[in-house]
Amino acid sequence: MRRPEPAGREEREEREEEDFGTIERALEQLFRLNASRKVHSRRAAAAGVAISQPGFQLLRRIQEEDGLQIGELARLTDMDPAATGRQVAQLEHDGLVTREKASGDGRAVIVRVTPRGAQVRRSLSLVAERHMSDVLSGWSPEDRRRLAALLPRLVDGLRTVAYRGETAEDETRERVRSA
């Protein structure tokens, strides 16, 4: 037989649920902002460049890895391989990347950033850095350090922790609350 929970535990659980709700809503807003074509267009305009948002994500990743095969690029960016191929074709057409045969395997193609592509990435990154500096200008150094430490940890958790359904214990707790 289960003993009744102390009042403090129930209050903690309610606060925790409120915190999770607040975090989830803020993340939804952040994800929408990050995925917004309008926001990306303003950033690209401020940098004086023309590149799609997915194109920029691919360009950044290609440069960070110093060249990648398209399949690996798609995997690393969580993009559909066909969409990745179309974006790479556009980047190549715009002179931002080149495709080269891999030295060890004639069938494999490596995508590399051109000097023009590096300049486009640099311009966009500078605009983003200035914007982030402006956004966080009123934050204390300690708050900025905490954010810098916690955000990658959150991203890693979101990427690696599996979703799970409601457990029998959760269902029981919910029935007791609503009774």
Protein backbone atom coordinates (compact mmCIF):
# COMPACT_ATOMS: atom_id res chain seq x y z
CA MET A 1 0.00 0.00 0.00
CA ARG A 2 1.30 3.44 -0.92
CA ARG A 3 1.71 6.08 1.78
CA PRO A 4 0.39 9.59 1.14
CA GLU A 5 3.00 12.01 -0.18
CA PRO A 6 4.18 14.79 2.12
CA ALA A 7 2.67 18.18 1.23
CA GLY A 8 6.14 19.54 0.38
CA ARG A 9 6.67 16.94 -2.31
CA GLU A 10 3.38 17.74 -4.03
CA GLU A 11 4.24 21.45 -4.06
CA ARG A 12 7.69 20.69 -5.47
CA GLU A 13 6.12 18.58 -8.22
CA GLU A 14 3.71 21.39 -9.10
CA ARG A 15 6.56 23.92 -9.26
CA GLU A 16 8.57 21.49 -11.36
CA GLU A 17 5.63 21.08 -13.78
CA GLU A 18 5.32 24.88 -14.02
CA ASP A 19 9.07 25.15 -14.69
CA PHE A 20 8.89 22.49 -17.40
CA GLY A 21 5.96 24.32 -19.00
CA THR A 22 7.81 27.64 -18.94
CA ILE A 23 10.94 26.04 -20.41
CA GLU A 24 8.96 24.25 -23.10
CA ARG A 25 7.15 27.44 -24.18
CA ALA A 26 10.41 29.41 -24.27
CA LEU A 27 12.07 26.65 -26.33
CA GLU A 28 9.13 26.61 -28.75
CA GLN A 29 9.55 30.35 -29.25
CA LEU A 30 13.32 29.98 -29.65
CA PHE A 31 12.91 27.16 -32.19
CA ARG A 32 10.38 29.20 -34.17
CA LEU A 33 12.72 32.19 -34.18
CA ASN A 34 15.64 30.04 -35.26
CA ALA A 35 13.59 28.41 -38.04
CA SER A 36 12.03 31.65 -39.22
CA ARG A 37 12.79 32.52 -42.83
CA LYS A 38 11.91 36.13 -42.05
CA VAL A 39 14.51 36.31 -39.26
CA HIS A 40 17.12 34.65 -41.49
CA SER A 41 16.29 37.08 -44.32
CA ARG A 42 16.85 40.06 -42.01
CA ARG A 43 20.16 38.58 -40.87
CA ALA A 44 21.28 37.89 -44.45
CA ALA A 45 20.24 41.40 -45.51
CA ALA A 46 22.23 42.91 -42.63
CA ALA A 47 25.24 40.87 -43.79
CA GLY A 48 24.70 41.87 -47.42
CA VAL A 49 24.47 38.28 -48.65
CA ALA A 50 21.88 36.08 -50.35
CA ILE A 51 21.68 32.50 -49.05
CA SER A 52 18.82 30.32 -47.85
CA GLN A 53 18.62 29.32 -44.22
CA PRO A 54 19.22 25.61 -44.92
CA GLY A 55 22.01 26.60 -47.31
CA PHE A 56 23.71 28.57 -44.55
CA GLN A 57 23.39 25.66 -42.10
CA LEU A 58 25.04 23.37 -44.63
CA LEU A 59 27.73 25.92 -45.51
CA ARG A 60 28.62 26.34 -41.84
CA ARG A 61 28.83 22.59 -41.26
CA ILE A 62 30.90 21.96 -44.40
CA GLN A 63 33.38 24.61 -43.33
CA GLU A 64 33.53 23.35 -39.73
CA GLU A 65 34.36 19.85 -40.96
CA ASP A 66 36.69 21.08 -43.75
CA GLY A 67 34.67 19.19 -46.35
CA LEU A 68 32.10 16.40 -46.21
CA GLN A 69 30.33 13.85 -48.35
CA ILE A 70 26.68 14.76 -48.96
CA GLY A 71 25.33 11.75 -47.06
CA GLU A 72 27.42 12.58 -44.01
CA LEU A 73 26.43 16.24 -44.30
CA ALA A 74 22.74 15.27 -44.34
CA ARG A 75 23.23 13.07 -41.28
CA LEU A 76 25.13 15.72 -39.31
CA THR A 77 22.54 18.42 -40.06
CA ASP A 78 19.49 16.15 -39.61
CA MET A 79 18.36 17.02 -43.13
CA ASP A 80 16.81 14.79 -45.78
CA PRO A 81 19.57 13.56 -48.13
CA ALA A 82 17.65 14.64 -51.25
CA ALA A 83 17.04 18.13 -49.81
CA THR A 84 20.72 18.29 -48.83
CA GLY A 85 21.71 17.43 -52.39
CA ARG A 86 19.46 20.16 -53.80
CA GLN A 87 20.83 22.74 -51.35
CA VAL A 88 24.43 21.76 -52.14
CA ALA A 89 23.66 22.11 -55.86
CA GLN A 90 22.37 25.64 -55.21
CA LEU A 91 25.43 26.48 -53.08
CA GLU A 92 27.66 25.20 -55.88
CA HIS A 93 25.72 27.23 -58.47
CA ASP A 94 26.20 30.33 -56.29
CA GLY A 95 29.96 29.68 -56.10
CA LEU A 96 29.92 28.99 -52.36
CA VAL A 97 31.05 25.33 -52.48
CA THR A 98 32.80 22.94 -54.84
CA ARG A 99 32.47 19.20 -55.28
CA GLU A 100 35.65 17.15 -55.58
CA LYS A 101 36.27 13.45 -56.01
CA ALA A 102 37.63 11.87 -52.85
CA SER A 103 41.24 10.80 -53.28
CA GLY A 104 40.76 7.23 -52.03
CA ASP A 105 37.38 6.49 -53.64
CA GLY A 106 36.57 7.77 -57.11
CA ARG A 107 32.83 7.38 -56.49
CA ALA A 108 32.81 9.52 -53.34
CA VAL A 109 32.39 13.27 -53.67
CA ILE A 110 33.58 15.74 -51.05
CA VAL A 111 31.90 19.13 -50.76
CA ARG A 112 34.23 22.00 -49.77
CA VAL A 113 33.67 25.68 -49.09
CA THR A 114 35.12 28.16 -51.60
CA PRO A 115 36.78 31.42 -50.53
CA ARG A 116 33.54 33.20 -51.51
CA GLY A 117 31.55 30.73 -49.36
CA ALA A 118 33.90 31.38 -46.43
CA GLN A 119 33.32 35.13 -46.82
CA VAL A 120 29.52 34.65 -46.85
CA ARG A 121 29.72 32.54 -43.71
CA ARG A 122 32.03 35.06 -42.03
CA SER A 123 29.67 37.94 -42.87
CA LEU A 124 26.63 36.12 -41.49
CA SER A 125 28.52 35.01 -38.40
CA LEU A 126 29.67 38.56 -37.65
CA VAL A 127 26.09 39.84 -37.89
CA ALA A 128 24.94 37.03 -35.58
CA GLU A 129 27.73 37.72 -33.08
CA ARG A 130 26.91 41.45 -33.00
CA HIS A 131 23.24 40.65 -32.53
CA MET A 132 23.95 38.21 -29.69
CA SER A 133 26.23 40.77 -28.08
CA ASP A 134 23.44 43.35 -28.27
CA VAL A 135 20.85 40.90 -26.91
CA LEU A 136 23.05 39.88 -23.97
CA SER A 137 24.55 43.31 -23.26
CA GLY A 138 22.45 43.74 -20.13
CA TRP A 139 23.30 40.30 -18.77
CA SER A 140 25.92 39.84 -16.09
CA PRO A 141 29.10 37.96 -17.06
CA GLU A 142 28.02 35.17 -14.69
CA ASP A 143 24.61 34.83 -16.39
CA ARG A 144 26.29 34.69 -19.82
CA ARG A 145 28.73 32.00 -18.59
CA ARG A 146 25.84 29.97 -17.13
CA LEU A 147 23.88 30.22 -20.37
CA ALA A 148 26.98 29.20 -22.35
CA ALA A 149 27.40 26.16 -20.09
CA LEU A 150 23.74 25.13 -19.88
CA LEU A 151 22.56 25.54 -23.48
CA PRO A 152 24.92 22.94 -25.01
CA ARG A 153 23.97 20.58 -22.20
CA LEU A 154 20.27 21.10 -22.97
CA VAL A 155 20.83 20.60 -26.71
CA ASP A 156 22.73 17.37 -26.03
CA GLY A 157 19.90 16.10 -23.84
CA LEU A 158 17.24 17.03 -26.40
CA ARG A 159 19.25 15.22 -29.06
CA THR A 160 20.02 12.03 -27.09
CA VAL A 161 17.28 11.39 -24.52
CA ALA A 162 14.45 9.26 -25.90
CA TYR A 163 10.81 10.28 -25.59
CA ARG A 164 8.71 8.09 -23.32
CA GLY A 165 5.01 7.67 -22.78
CA GLU A 166 3.14 8.00 -19.55
CA THR A 167 4.05 5.34 -16.97
CA ALA A 168 1.67 3.54 -14.63
CA GLU A 169 3.10 5.58 -11.72
CA ASP A 170 2.35 8.83 -13.59
CA GLU A 171 -1.21 7.69 -14.29
CA THR A 172 -1.75 6.78 -10.63
CA ARG A 173 -0.36 10.12 -9.44
CA GLU A 174 -2.65 11.96 -11.88
CA ARG A 175 -5.72 9.99 -10.70
CA VAL A 176 -4.91 10.78 -7.06
CA ARG A 177 -4.54 14.50 -7.87
CA SER A 178 -7.81 14.72 -9.77
CA ALA A 179 -9.73 12.78 -7.09
